[in-house]
Amino acid sequence: MAFYRKFSSSVDARQVFGEMTKRSLYQWNTLLKNLSRGKKWEEVLCHFLQMFRDEEKPDNFTLPVALKACVELREVKYGEMIHGFVKKE
């Protein structure tokens, strides 16, 4: 993932990520950070929500990227959901 993030296209990185059967939090964070660097906010939010469906718990690196996506997309509902998660934890 790091190789693709630094040296190849985000399309290649997403393809490699999609082919993984088990994804670590580090891999999720790498993907989200890569997408945010490309200002692909809809994809950031989509993958962040997929993390929850996959029962992966976000951390202090994940949440700011997801909140930034909400701000950029003006998605108040999702921003409130993430804020609620932070308060709960």
C-alpha atoms as a PDB file:
ATOM      1  CA  MET A   1       0.000   0.000   0.000  1.00  0.00           C
ATOM      2  CA  ALA A   2       2.718   2.494   0.917  1.00  0.00           C
ATOM      3  CA  PHE A   3       4.515   1.769  -2.345  1.00  0.00           C
ATOM      4  CA  TYR A   4       1.399   2.535  -4.353  1.00  0.00           C
ATOM      5  CA  ARG A   5       0.613   5.584  -2.242  1.00  0.00           C
ATOM      6  CA  LYS A   6       4.006   7.135  -2.929  1.00  0.00           C
ATOM      7  CA  PHE A   7       4.935   5.934  -6.395  1.00  0.00           C
ATOM      8  CA  SER A   8       1.829   5.026  -8.348  1.00  0.00           C
ATOM      9  CA  SER A   9      -1.684   6.189  -8.971  1.00  0.00           C
ATOM     10  CA  SER A  10      -4.457   6.162  -6.419  1.00  0.00           C
ATOM     11  CA  VAL A  11      -6.368   3.872  -8.788  1.00  0.00           C
ATOM     12  CA  ASP A  12      -3.656   1.218  -8.389  1.00  0.00           C
ATOM     13  CA  ALA A  13      -3.661   1.648  -4.611  1.00  0.00           C
ATOM     14  CA  ARG A  14      -7.443   1.229  -4.451  1.00  0.00           C
ATOM     15  CA  GLN A  15      -7.232  -1.865  -6.653  1.00  0.00           C
ATOM     16  CA  VAL A  16      -4.627  -3.467  -4.381  1.00  0.00           C
ATOM     17  CA  PHE A  17      -6.709  -2.497  -1.343  1.00  0.00           C
ATOM     18  CA  GLY A  18      -9.841  -3.976  -2.894  1.00  0.00           C
ATOM     19  CA  GLU A  19      -8.095  -7.296  -3.482  1.00  0.00           C
ATOM     20  CA  MET A  20      -7.089  -7.666   0.177  1.00  0.00           C
ATOM     21  CA  THR A  21      -9.147 -10.174   2.117  1.00  0.00           C
ATOM     22  CA  LYS A  22      -8.190  -8.849   5.564  1.00  0.00           C
ATOM     23  CA  ARG A  23      -7.495  -5.143   6.004  1.00  0.00           C
ATOM     24  CA  SER A  24      -5.668  -3.656   8.963  1.00  0.00           C
ATOM     25  CA  LEU A  25      -6.382  -0.253  10.450  1.00  0.00           C
ATOM     26  CA  TYR A  26      -3.031   0.902   9.063  1.00  0.00           C
ATOM     27  CA  GLN A  27      -4.152  -0.085   5.560  1.00  0.00           C
ATOM     28  CA  TRP A  28      -7.481   1.716   5.968  1.00  0.00           C
ATOM     29  CA  ASN A  29      -5.682   4.837   7.185  1.00  0.00           C
ATOM     30  CA  THR A  30      -3.216   4.682   4.302  1.00  0.00           C
ATOM     31  CA  LEU A  31      -6.035   4.466   1.770  1.00  0.00           C
ATOM     32  CA  LEU A  32      -8.023   7.291   3.357  1.00  0.00           C
ATOM     33  CA  LYS A  33      -4.976   9.548   3.597  1.00  0.00           C
ATOM     34  CA  ASN A  34      -4.111   8.851  -0.046  1.00  0.00           C
ATOM     35  CA  LEU A  35      -7.645   9.680  -1.147  1.00  0.00           C
ATOM     36  CA  SER A  36      -7.671  12.861   0.933  1.00  0.00           C
ATOM     37  CA  ARG A  37      -4.423  14.035  -0.654  1.00  0.00           C
ATOM     38  CA  GLY A  38      -6.172  13.717  -4.005  1.00  0.00           C
ATOM     39  CA  LYS A  39      -9.210  15.570  -2.621  1.00  0.00           C
ATOM     40  CA  LYS A  40     -11.413  12.573  -3.375  1.00  0.00           C
ATOM     41  CA  TRP A  41     -13.737  13.410  -0.501  1.00  0.00           C
ATOM     42  CA  GLU A  42     -16.687  11.264  -1.594  1.00  0.00           C
ATOM     43  CA  GLU A  43     -14.419   8.226  -1.756  1.00  0.00           C
ATOM     44  CA  VAL A  44     -12.925   9.065   1.644  1.00  0.00           C
ATOM     45  CA  LEU A  45     -16.376   9.124   3.190  1.00  0.00           C
ATOM     46  CA  CYS A  46     -17.483   6.001   1.320  1.00  0.00           C
ATOM     47  CA  HIS A  47     -14.458   4.010   2.505  1.00  0.00           C
ATOM     48  CA  PHE A  48     -14.763   5.389   6.032  1.00  0.00           C
ATOM     49  CA  LEU A  49     -18.331   4.106   6.188  1.00  0.00           C
ATOM     50  CA  GLN A  50     -17.144   0.767   4.794  1.00  0.00           C
ATOM     51  CA  MET A  51     -14.749   0.561   7.753  1.00  0.00           C
ATOM     52  CA  PHE A  52     -17.766   0.536  10.064  1.00  0.00           C
ATOM     53  CA  ARG A  53     -19.494  -2.127   7.998  1.00  0.00           C
ATOM     54  CA  ASP A  54     -16.299  -4.193   8.235  1.00  0.00           C
ATOM     55  CA  GLU A  55     -16.291  -3.602  12.013  1.00  0.00           C
ATOM     56  CA  GLU A  56     -12.929  -1.808  11.968  1.00  0.00           C
ATOM     57  CA  LYS A  57     -12.653   0.788  14.714  1.00  0.00           C
ATOM     58  CA  PRO A  58     -11.240   4.146  13.536  1.00  0.00           C
ATOM     59  CA  ASP A  59      -8.460   5.830  15.491  1.00  0.00           C
ATOM     60  CA  ASN A  60      -7.020   9.317  16.005  1.00  0.00           C
ATOM     61  CA  PHE A  61      -5.571   9.274  12.480  1.00  0.00           C
ATOM     62  CA  THR A  62      -8.770   8.124  10.790  1.00  0.00           C
ATOM     63  CA  LEU A  63     -11.248  10.527  12.339  1.00  0.00           C
ATOM     64  CA  PRO A  64      -9.736  13.874  11.231  1.00  0.00           C
ATOM     65  CA  VAL A  65      -9.582  12.669   7.624  1.00  0.00           C
ATOM     66  CA  ALA A  66     -13.221  11.563   7.768  1.00  0.00           C
ATOM     67  CA  LEU A  67     -14.302  14.851   9.367  1.00  0.00           C
ATOM     68  CA  LYS A  68     -12.412  16.823   6.711  1.00  0.00           C
ATOM     69  CA  ALA A  69     -14.330  14.889   4.048  1.00  0.00           C
ATOM     70  CA  CYS A  70     -17.604  15.804   5.757  1.00  0.00           C
ATOM     71  CA  VAL A  71     -16.622  19.484   5.830  1.00  0.00           C
ATOM     72  CA  GLU A  72     -15.572  19.502   2.179  1.00  0.00           C
ATOM     73  CA  LEU A  73     -18.780  17.735   1.121  1.00  0.00           C
ATOM     74  CA  ARG A  74     -20.950  19.747   3.534  1.00  0.00           C
ATOM     75  CA  GLU A  75     -22.271  16.473   4.931  1.00  0.00           C
ATOM     76  CA  VAL A  76     -23.532  17.657   8.308  1.00  0.00           C
ATOM     77  CA  LYS A  77     -25.357  14.402   9.053  1.00  0.00           C
ATOM     78  CA  TYR A  78     -22.219  12.281   8.686  1.00  0.00           C
ATOM     79  CA  GLY A  79     -20.136  14.877  10.525  1.00  0.00           C
ATOM     80  CA  GLU A  80     -22.524  14.665  13.472  1.00  0.00           C
ATOM     81  CA  MET A  81     -22.341  10.868  13.363  1.00  0.00           C
ATOM     82  CA  ILE A  82     -18.533  10.953  13.523  1.00  0.00           C
ATOM     83  CA  HIS A  83     -18.628  13.563  16.289  1.00  0.00           C
ATOM     84  CA  GLY A  84     -20.980  11.294  18.237  1.00  0.00           C
ATOM     85  CA  PHE A  85     -18.561   8.401  17.815  1.00  0.00           C
ATOM     86  CA  VAL A  86     -15.690  10.541  19.142  1.00  0.00           C
ATOM     87  CA  LYS A  87     -17.719  11.633  22.179  1.00  0.00           C
ATOM     88  CA  LYS A  88     -18.736   8.037  22.871  1.00  0.00           C
ATOM     89  CA  GLU A  89     -15.154   6.789  22.794  1.00  0.00           C
END
